[in-house]
Amino acid sequence: MKLFLIRHAETEHNVKQARAGATDSSLTNHGVLQIQRLAQYLRSRPVQFTRVFCSDLQRARLTAEGICQQQLGNYPLVPMQTSLLQEQHFGLLEGSRWKPRAATSAYTPNAAVPGISPSRIEEESEDSMRARATSFLRDYILPLLLGSSPKEEVVAVVAHGIILRVLWKCITDLFHPSDILISSEVETGVVPPGSPLIAVWSNTGFMELDIRPKPLTAPSGILPAPIATGSPFSGWQMLLLSVNNTSHLLDLRRTGGGIGSATHDQRQRTLDGFFRTTNAP
């Protein structure tokens, strides 16, 4: 299985540096262009998805739909939406500005999250998010991975920054540390021995994973990853091919005059118009 973990495109809350969480934040004009670039990039590689899953919040759903509309294939691809992939609920902090904090590495341990109350006054807990991520893996990903279909599954999961980090940790917990490998092309920086590998996602950035039965020997150029120990997923190994890949955004410039950062108005131009498949490869 090839597995792509993708963050949604830019939203109005991202521009304002505000917590969106469970709020159904709208895309910006720049965000729509990010989706177009990502979809065309994946199509040109070419990556042909067999399944696309996404959060049911519109920023993830529209990102997933944009990817699907640029896919090549005999049948139209439609993303499967699930609330299991929604972003962390911030409780009373929904919509508030992020407070400045010291820069942290993408590979530092997760901080503790306050517990969740029945009334959603407090932030959703780490345990609650792990339960959702585990349910998603159990109900959607593992049946594909362990199924009897002869074709290789190529799966996209489009969600949000925090829940993607939790999902990634839940995935690594399925494997023995020695069965998690990192491509030599991935920049990991300095990771203390035994520290968990924790990634970050930019808007439309993606992580690419290759999961398959374990060979007798590891390929050359592949190094064991310093992943914290967890329950082994016997007989399989996972290769990390890219982290926060934003190659598709390298020459993308934000439209000036506040237009790029403005909320996208679907009445001016439909998303179908932005994402319509072209004849280009």
Protein backbone atom coordinates (compact mmCIF):
# COMPACT_ATOMS: atom_id res chain seq x y z
CA MET A 1 0.00 0.00 0.00
CA LYS A 2 1.06 3.53 -0.79
CA LEU A 3 -0.39 5.91 1.80
CA PHE A 4 -0.47 9.71 1.48
CA LEU A 5 -1.31 11.78 4.57
CA ILE A 6 -2.32 15.23 3.28
CA ARG A 7 -3.22 18.43 5.09
CA HIS A 8 -6.02 20.63 3.77
CA ALA A 9 -5.40 23.87 1.85
CA GLU A 10 -5.17 27.34 3.38
CA THR A 11 -8.24 28.72 5.16
CA GLU A 12 -9.37 32.06 6.52
CA HIS A 13 -8.47 30.86 10.03
CA ASN A 14 -4.93 29.97 8.88
CA VAL A 15 -4.46 33.50 7.54
CA LYS A 16 -5.72 35.00 10.81
CA GLN A 17 -3.55 32.57 12.82
CA ALA A 18 -6.70 31.48 14.62
CA ARG A 19 -7.77 28.09 15.94
CA ALA A 20 -10.30 26.50 13.61
CA GLY A 21 -10.55 23.04 15.14
CA ALA A 22 -14.11 21.80 14.62
CA THR A 23 -15.13 25.15 13.09
CA ASP A 24 -15.97 24.74 9.38
CA SER A 25 -13.45 27.31 8.16
CA SER A 26 -13.64 28.45 4.51
CA LEU A 27 -10.81 28.24 1.98
CA THR A 28 -8.97 31.34 0.83
CA ASN A 29 -8.36 32.14 -2.83
CA HIS A 30 -4.74 31.13 -2.28
CA GLY A 31 -5.91 27.86 -0.75
CA VAL A 32 -7.89 27.02 -3.89
CA LEU A 33 -4.73 27.55 -5.97
CA GLN A 34 -2.81 25.29 -3.58
CA ILE A 35 -5.32 22.50 -4.20
CA GLN A 36 -5.04 22.97 -7.94
CA ARG A 37 -1.24 22.74 -7.76
CA LEU A 38 -1.31 19.67 -5.51
CA ALA A 39 -3.86 17.84 -7.67
CA GLN A 40 -1.93 18.54 -10.87
CA TYR A 41 1.37 17.54 -9.25
CA LEU A 42 0.03 14.19 -8.06
CA ARG A 43 -1.54 13.53 -11.45
CA SER A 44 1.71 14.31 -13.28
CA ARG A 45 3.88 11.93 -11.21
CA PRO A 46 1.58 9.98 -11.87
CA VAL A 47 -0.15 8.96 -8.63
CA GLN A 48 -3.43 7.18 -9.28
CA PHE A 49 -5.41 6.80 -6.08
CA THR A 50 -7.64 3.81 -5.50
CA ARG A 51 -9.25 5.37 -2.40
CA VAL A 52 -9.49 8.85 -0.92
CA PHE A 53 -10.65 9.46 2.64
CA CYS A 54 -11.18 12.87 4.20
CA SER A 55 -12.50 14.77 7.18
CA ASP A 56 -16.07 15.93 6.70
CA LEU A 57 -15.08 19.55 7.41
CA GLN A 58 -15.20 21.55 4.17
CA ARG A 59 -11.52 22.56 4.09
CA ALA A 60 -10.50 18.90 3.95
CA ARG A 61 -13.44 17.80 1.81
CA LEU A 62 -12.79 20.45 -0.86
CA THR A 63 -9.08 19.60 -0.89
CA ALA A 64 -9.93 15.92 -1.39
CA GLU A 65 -12.48 16.70 -4.10
CA GLY A 66 -9.91 18.80 -5.95
CA ILE A 67 -7.46 15.90 -5.90
CA CYS A 68 -10.10 13.46 -7.14
CA GLN A 69 -11.18 15.69 -10.01
CA GLN A 70 -7.65 15.68 -11.46
CA GLN A 71 -7.21 11.90 -11.21
CA LEU A 72 -6.91 9.76 -14.30
CA GLY A 73 -8.97 6.59 -14.52
CA ASN A 74 -12.00 4.92 -16.01
CA TYR A 75 -14.29 5.81 -13.12
CA PRO A 76 -14.74 9.08 -11.21
CA LEU A 77 -13.13 9.01 -7.78
CA VAL A 78 -15.21 10.36 -4.89
CA PRO A 79 -13.71 10.95 -1.42
CA MET A 80 -15.23 9.10 1.52
CA GLN A 81 -15.94 11.56 4.34
CA THR A 82 -15.71 10.69 8.01
CA SER A 83 -15.92 12.67 11.24
CA LEU A 84 -13.15 10.45 12.65
CA LEU A 85 -10.67 12.66 10.77
CA GLN A 86 -11.95 15.99 12.09
CA GLU A 87 -9.44 18.35 13.69
CA GLN A 88 -8.98 18.58 17.45
CA HIS A 89 -11.89 20.41 19.07
CA PHE A 90 -10.53 23.46 20.93
CA GLY A 91 -13.60 24.02 23.09
CA LEU A 92 -13.95 27.64 24.20
CA LEU A 93 -10.70 28.43 22.39
CA GLU A 94 -12.30 27.79 18.98
CA GLY A 95 -11.65 30.86 16.81
CA SER A 96 -9.11 32.42 19.18
CA ARG A 97 -5.68 33.56 18.03
CA TRP A 98 -2.66 31.33 18.51
CA LYS A 99 -0.32 32.79 21.13
CA PRO A 100 3.31 33.23 20.02
CA ARG A 101 5.55 30.48 21.32
CA ALA A 102 9.16 29.46 20.90
CA ALA A 103 9.87 27.60 17.68
CA THR A 104 9.84 23.83 18.13
CA SER A 105 11.28 21.02 16.06
CA ALA A 106 9.02 18.91 13.89
CA TYR A 107 10.43 15.93 15.75
CA THR A 108 9.88 16.87 19.39
CA PRO A 109 7.57 14.86 21.64
CA ASN A 110 3.89 15.77 21.79
CA ALA A 111 2.86 18.05 24.63
CA ALA A 112 0.09 16.95 26.97
CA VAL A 113 -3.40 18.11 26.02
CA PRO A 114 -6.02 19.07 28.63
CA GLY A 115 -8.88 16.64 29.13
CA ILE A 116 -12.16 16.96 27.29
CA SER A 117 -15.38 17.76 29.13
CA PRO A 118 -18.86 16.64 28.02
CA SER A 119 -19.75 20.24 27.15
CA ARG A 120 -16.61 20.77 25.03
CA ILE A 121 -15.52 23.62 27.30
CA GLU A 122 -11.96 22.31 27.29
CA GLU A 123 -9.80 21.13 24.42
CA GLU A 124 -10.28 17.61 23.13
CA SER A 125 -7.82 15.30 24.83
CA GLU A 126 -4.97 13.39 23.25
CA ASP A 127 -6.68 10.14 24.27
CA SER A 128 -9.88 11.16 22.47
CA MET A 129 -7.98 11.95 19.27
CA ARG A 130 -6.04 8.68 19.50
CA ALA A 131 -9.32 6.80 19.85
CA ARG A 132 -10.66 8.45 16.68
CA ALA A 133 -7.43 7.81 14.76
CA THR A 134 -7.34 4.18 15.89
CA SER A 135 -10.97 3.69 14.84
CA PHE A 136 -10.18 5.15 11.41
CA LEU A 137 -7.24 2.79 10.93
CA ARG A 138 -9.25 -0.21 12.12
CA ASP A 139 -12.36 0.54 10.04
CA TYR A 140 -10.82 1.88 6.81
CA ILE A 141 -7.07 1.34 6.36
CA LEU A 142 -6.31 -2.07 7.86
CA PRO A 143 -9.08 -3.87 5.90
CA LEU A 144 -7.48 -2.56 2.69
CA LEU A 145 -3.97 -3.44 3.81
CA LEU A 146 -4.86 -6.97 4.90
CA GLY A 147 -7.45 -7.65 2.20
CA SER A 148 -7.19 -10.23 -0.55
CA SER A 149 -7.29 -7.82 -3.51
CA PRO A 150 -4.36 -8.44 -5.92
CA LYS A 151 -4.07 -4.76 -6.86
CA GLU A 152 -1.96 -2.36 -4.84
CA GLU A 153 -3.98 0.15 -2.88
CA VAL A 154 -2.90 3.78 -3.27
CA VAL A 155 -4.69 5.71 -0.56
CA ALA A 156 -4.99 9.41 0.25
CA VAL A 157 -6.07 10.64 3.68
CA VAL A 158 -6.91 14.36 3.71
CA ALA A 159 -7.28 15.88 7.14
CA HIS A 160 -5.85 18.47 9.53
CA GLY A 161 -2.48 19.21 11.11
CA ILE A 162 -3.03 17.99 14.66
CA ILE A 163 -5.13 14.92 13.91
CA LEU A 164 -2.63 13.93 11.20
CA ARG A 165 0.18 13.98 13.78
CA VAL A 166 -1.91 11.77 16.06
CA LEU A 167 -2.78 9.44 13.17
CA TRP A 168 0.91 9.19 12.22
CA LYS A 169 1.81 8.22 15.80
CA CYS A 170 -0.94 5.57 15.82
CA ILE A 171 0.42 4.16 12.55
CA THR A 172 3.97 3.92 13.90
CA ASP A 173 2.66 2.13 16.99
CA LEU A 174 1.53 -0.73 14.73
CA PHE A 175 5.12 -1.56 13.75
CA HIS A 176 8.23 -2.73 15.52
CA PRO A 177 10.84 0.08 15.49
CA SER A 178 13.18 -1.96 13.28
CA ASP A 179 10.41 -2.29 10.67
CA ILE A 180 10.05 1.49 10.21
CA LEU A 181 12.54 2.81 7.66
CA ILE A 182 13.36 6.28 6.38
CA SER A 183 14.43 6.98 2.81
CA SER A 184 17.85 8.62 2.59
CA GLU A 185 16.16 11.48 0.71
CA VAL A 186 14.13 12.50 3.78
CA GLU A 187 15.63 15.27 5.90
CA THR A 188 15.07 14.28 9.55
CA GLY A 189 17.59 16.53 11.26
CA VAL A 190 19.04 15.49 14.59
CA VAL A 191 16.75 13.07 16.39
CA PRO A 192 17.74 11.93 19.89
CA PRO A 193 17.94 8.13 20.18
CA GLY A 194 14.59 6.64 21.13
CA SER A 195 12.67 9.85 20.44
CA PRO A 196 9.42 9.53 18.48
CA LEU A 197 9.46 10.84 14.92
CA ILE A 198 6.77 13.54 14.93
CA ALA A 199 6.01 15.36 11.69
CA VAL A 200 4.34 18.66 10.81
CA TRP A 201 2.23 19.54 7.79
CA SER A 202 2.03 22.80 5.83
CA ASN A 203 -1.17 23.56 3.93
CA THR A 204 -1.42 20.86 1.19
CA GLY A 205 1.85 19.35 2.42
CA PHE A 206 1.87 15.56 2.39
CA MET A 207 3.65 12.59 3.91
CA GLU A 208 4.20 9.58 1.66
CA LEU A 209 4.44 6.05 3.06
CA ASP A 210 5.04 2.67 1.47
CA ILE A 211 3.69 -0.26 3.53
CA ARG A 212 4.26 -3.82 2.39
CA PRO A 213 5.33 -7.30 3.54
CA LYS A 214 8.81 -7.25 5.02
CA PRO A 215 11.66 -8.42 2.74
CA LEU A 216 14.53 -10.48 4.04
CA THR A 217 16.97 -7.54 3.84
CA ALA A 218 16.54 -3.77 3.90
CA PRO A 219 17.17 -1.90 0.60
CA SER A 220 20.37 0.11 0.29
CA GLY A 221 20.10 3.80 1.14
CA ILE A 222 17.42 3.12 3.76
CA LEU A 223 18.13 3.80 7.42
CA PRO A 224 16.19 2.54 10.46
CA ALA A 225 14.05 5.29 11.97
CA PRO A 226 14.35 6.27 15.64
CA ILE A 227 10.71 5.54 16.43
CA ALA A 228 9.43 4.95 19.95
CA THR A 229 8.49 1.35 20.66
CA GLY A 230 4.92 0.15 20.30
CA SER A 231 2.85 -2.91 19.42
CA PRO A 232 4.53 -4.64 16.45
CA PHE A 233 2.61 -5.23 13.21
CA SER A 234 4.32 -8.53 12.50
CA GLY A 235 5.55 -9.39 9.01
CA TRP A 236 5.24 -5.88 7.56
CA GLN A 237 7.46 -2.85 7.25
CA MET A 238 6.88 0.81 6.51
CA LEU A 239 9.11 3.08 4.43
CA LEU A 240 8.85 6.84 4.95
CA LEU A 241 9.37 8.41 1.51
CA SER A 242 8.64 12.08 2.22
CA VAL A 243 7.61 14.41 5.04
CA ASN A 244 5.68 17.65 4.48
CA ASN A 245 6.29 17.50 0.73
CA THR A 246 5.36 20.89 -0.76
CA SER A 247 7.20 20.59 -4.09
CA HIS A 248 4.01 21.63 -5.86
CA LEU A 249 4.08 25.05 -4.15
CA LEU A 250 7.67 26.06 -4.95
CA ASP A 251 6.83 28.79 -7.48
CA LEU A 252 3.32 29.65 -6.27
CA ARG A 253 2.95 33.31 -5.31
CA ARG A 254 0.13 34.80 -3.29
CA THR A 255 -2.03 37.26 -5.24
CA GLY A 256 -1.46 40.77 -3.90
CA GLY A 257 -3.84 43.42 -2.69
CA GLY A 258 -5.37 41.08 -0.11
CA ILE A 259 -7.03 39.01 -2.84
CA GLY A 260 -5.03 35.85 -2.18
CA SER A 261 -5.81 35.92 1.54
CA ALA A 262 -9.50 36.68 1.04
CA THR A 263 -12.15 34.02 1.59
CA HIS A 264 -12.85 32.18 -1.65
CA ASP A 265 -16.24 33.15 -3.10
CA GLN A 266 -17.68 30.15 -4.92
CA ARG A 267 -20.24 32.39 -6.62
CA GLN A 268 -17.47 34.01 -8.67
CA ARG A 269 -15.97 30.77 -9.91
CA THR A 270 -16.92 27.24 -8.94
CA LEU A 271 -14.40 24.79 -7.55
CA ASP A 272 -15.23 22.54 -10.51
CA GLY A 273 -13.91 25.33 -12.72
CA PHE A 274 -10.65 25.46 -10.81
CA PHE A 275 -10.15 21.71 -10.71
CA ARG A 276 -11.46 20.61 -14.11
CA THR A 277 -9.19 17.95 -15.58
CA THR A 278 -7.01 19.20 -18.42
CA ASN A 279 -5.37 17.28 -21.26
CA ALA A 280 -1.94 17.92 -19.83
CA PRO A 281 -0.18 14.83 -18.44
